[in-house]
Protein backbone atom coordinates (compact mmCIF):
# COMPACT_ATOMS: atom_id res chain seq x y z
CA MET A 1 57.60 34.98 268.87
CA HIS A 2 56.59 37.84 270.92
CA LEU A 3 57.07 38.32 274.56
CA LYS A 4 53.43 38.01 275.26
CA THR A 5 53.19 34.96 273.44
CA TYR A 6 55.96 33.30 275.67
CA GLN A 7 54.20 34.68 278.76
CA TRP A 8 50.99 33.19 277.80
CA LEU A 9 52.51 29.68 277.00
CA ALA A 10 54.38 29.92 280.40
CA LEU A 11 51.13 30.65 282.29
CA VAL A 12 49.59 27.77 280.56
CA LEU A 13 52.36 25.58 281.57
CA LEU A 14 52.21 26.55 285.07
CA LEU A 15 48.49 26.23 285.46
CA SER A 16 48.57 22.53 283.84
CA ILE A 17 51.46 21.67 286.37
CA GLY A 18 49.53 22.97 289.31
CA MET A 19 46.41 21.31 288.41
CA GLY A 20 48.11 17.77 288.02
CA CYS A 21 49.93 18.07 291.12
CA GLY A 22 46.75 19.15 293.66
CA SER A 23 44.61 15.95 293.70
CA GLY A 24 43.43 15.99 297.08
CA THR A 25 42.11 12.70 298.82
CA SER A 26 44.67 10.14 298.00
CA ASN A 27 47.87 9.68 299.75
CA SER A 28 51.20 8.56 298.07
CA GLY A 29 50.27 5.08 298.36
CA GLY A 30 47.02 5.18 296.39
CA VAL A 31 44.96 4.23 299.29
CA ALA A 32 41.67 6.40 300.10
CA SER A 33 42.32 8.88 302.73
CA GLY A 34 39.75 7.12 305.25
CA GLY A 35 41.92 3.93 304.87
CA ASP A 36 41.74 0.93 302.49
CA ALA A 37 40.29 1.82 299.20
CA SER A 38 38.95 -1.75 298.58
CA LEU A 39 36.41 -0.84 301.68
CA VAL A 40 34.94 1.92 299.52
CA GLY A 41 31.42 1.04 298.02
CA THR A 42 27.72 -0.09 299.10
CA TRP A 43 27.39 -2.63 301.58
CA ASN A 44 24.19 -4.58 302.34
CA LEU A 45 23.02 -6.03 305.51
CA VAL A 46 22.96 -9.86 305.56
CA ASN A 47 22.15 -10.53 309.26
CA SER A 48 22.37 -8.87 312.79
CA GLY A 49 22.20 -9.64 316.24
CA GLY A 50 21.59 -7.33 319.10
CA GLY A 51 21.00 -3.89 317.84
CA ASN A 52 19.27 -1.54 315.24
CA PHE A 53 21.74 -1.75 312.12
CA PRO A 54 21.28 0.06 308.82
CA GLN A 55 20.17 -1.85 305.87
CA LYS A 56 23.05 -0.28 303.70
CA ILE A 57 26.29 1.50 304.46
CA LEU A 58 27.85 3.67 301.79
CA ILE A 59 31.53 4.06 302.41
CA ASN A 60 33.27 6.89 300.18
CA SER A 61 36.96 7.02 299.66
CA ASN A 62 37.30 10.61 301.16
CA GLY A 63 36.55 9.19 304.86
CA THR A 64 32.78 10.05 304.93
CA GLY A 65 29.84 7.89 304.51
CA SER A 66 26.16 7.03 305.00
CA TYR A 67 23.92 4.55 306.98
CA ILE A 68 20.64 3.85 305.14
CA PHE A 69 18.00 2.41 307.47
CA THR A 70 14.87 0.79 306.82
CA GLY A 71 12.29 3.35 305.36
CA GLY A 72 15.06 5.41 303.69
CA THR A 73 16.32 7.38 306.94
CA THR A 74 19.96 8.17 306.52
CA SER A 75 22.62 9.08 308.73
CA SER A 76 26.23 10.65 307.82
CA PHE A 77 29.46 9.35 309.34
CA THR A 78 33.18 9.62 309.03
CA TRP A 79 35.57 6.79 308.99
CA THR A 80 39.31 6.10 309.63
CA GLN A 81 41.39 3.04 309.40
CA SER A 82 44.33 1.80 311.52
CA GLY A 83 45.73 -1.38 310.51
CA ASN A 84 43.22 -3.97 310.19
CA SER A 85 40.48 -2.00 312.18
CA VAL A 86 38.25 0.70 310.96
CA ILE A 87 36.58 3.21 313.27
CA ILE A 88 33.43 4.74 312.29
CA SER A 89 32.40 8.04 314.13
CA THR A 90 29.03 10.17 314.21
CA GLY A 91 30.11 13.56 315.29
CA SER A 92 32.60 13.32 318.01
CA LEU A 93 31.50 9.65 319.17
CA GLN A 94 32.78 6.34 317.82
CA ALA A 95 29.62 4.68 316.65
CA ALA A 96 31.02 1.57 315.43
CA SER A 97 33.98 -0.54 314.42
CA ILE A 98 35.13 -3.10 312.00
CA ASN A 99 37.98 -5.44 313.56
CA ASN A 100 40.30 -7.87 311.80
CA LEU A 101 39.60 -6.38 308.39
CA SER A 102 41.69 -8.32 305.60
CA SER A 103 43.34 -6.27 303.05
CA PRO A 104 42.14 -6.06 300.51
CA VAL A 105 38.88 -6.33 301.86
CA GLY A 106 36.92 -9.14 300.38
CA ASN A 107 33.04 -9.14 300.02
CA THR A 108 32.01 -9.48 303.65
CA PHE A 109 32.88 -7.62 306.96
CA THR A 110 31.46 -7.65 310.45
CA LEU A 111 30.24 -4.29 312.09
CA ASN A 112 30.51 -3.90 315.83
CA SER A 113 28.20 -1.45 317.67
CA LEU A 114 26.67 -0.97 320.91
CA GLY A 115 27.43 -4.73 321.85
CA GLY A 116 25.81 -6.09 318.52
CA THR A 117 27.15 -7.18 315.57
CA ALA A 118 25.99 -7.26 311.92
CA THR A 119 27.56 -8.98 308.83
CA TYR A 120 27.60 -7.01 305.35
CA ASN A 121 28.20 -7.96 301.96
CA ARG A 122 29.47 -5.88 299.15
CA ALA A 123 26.57 -4.60 296.86
């Protein structure tokens, strides 16, 4: 083969290796960057007490999410997990928390916000 053919093959090989190694949002344990990957998904409000809670919560694997309130109003947030606690923040303020979260996450969790609580089930 010619030198240009070898150079072309080497370039393709290097690009293939580079694309395979640079994945992005997962850590070495295969857990989403926000925390427990089993928390990711859509959650529906079952019941609440003491507060204006969203009807749905969308939790993304990259540590972001959205609240969806009655009437379709949405609000974005970020989330992080430390052990069995999840902190949900809007901007620089902590908006809510999920405490005593089992791992893997089951089909229900309780959200705590501004002195009220709400129960959510997996959609």
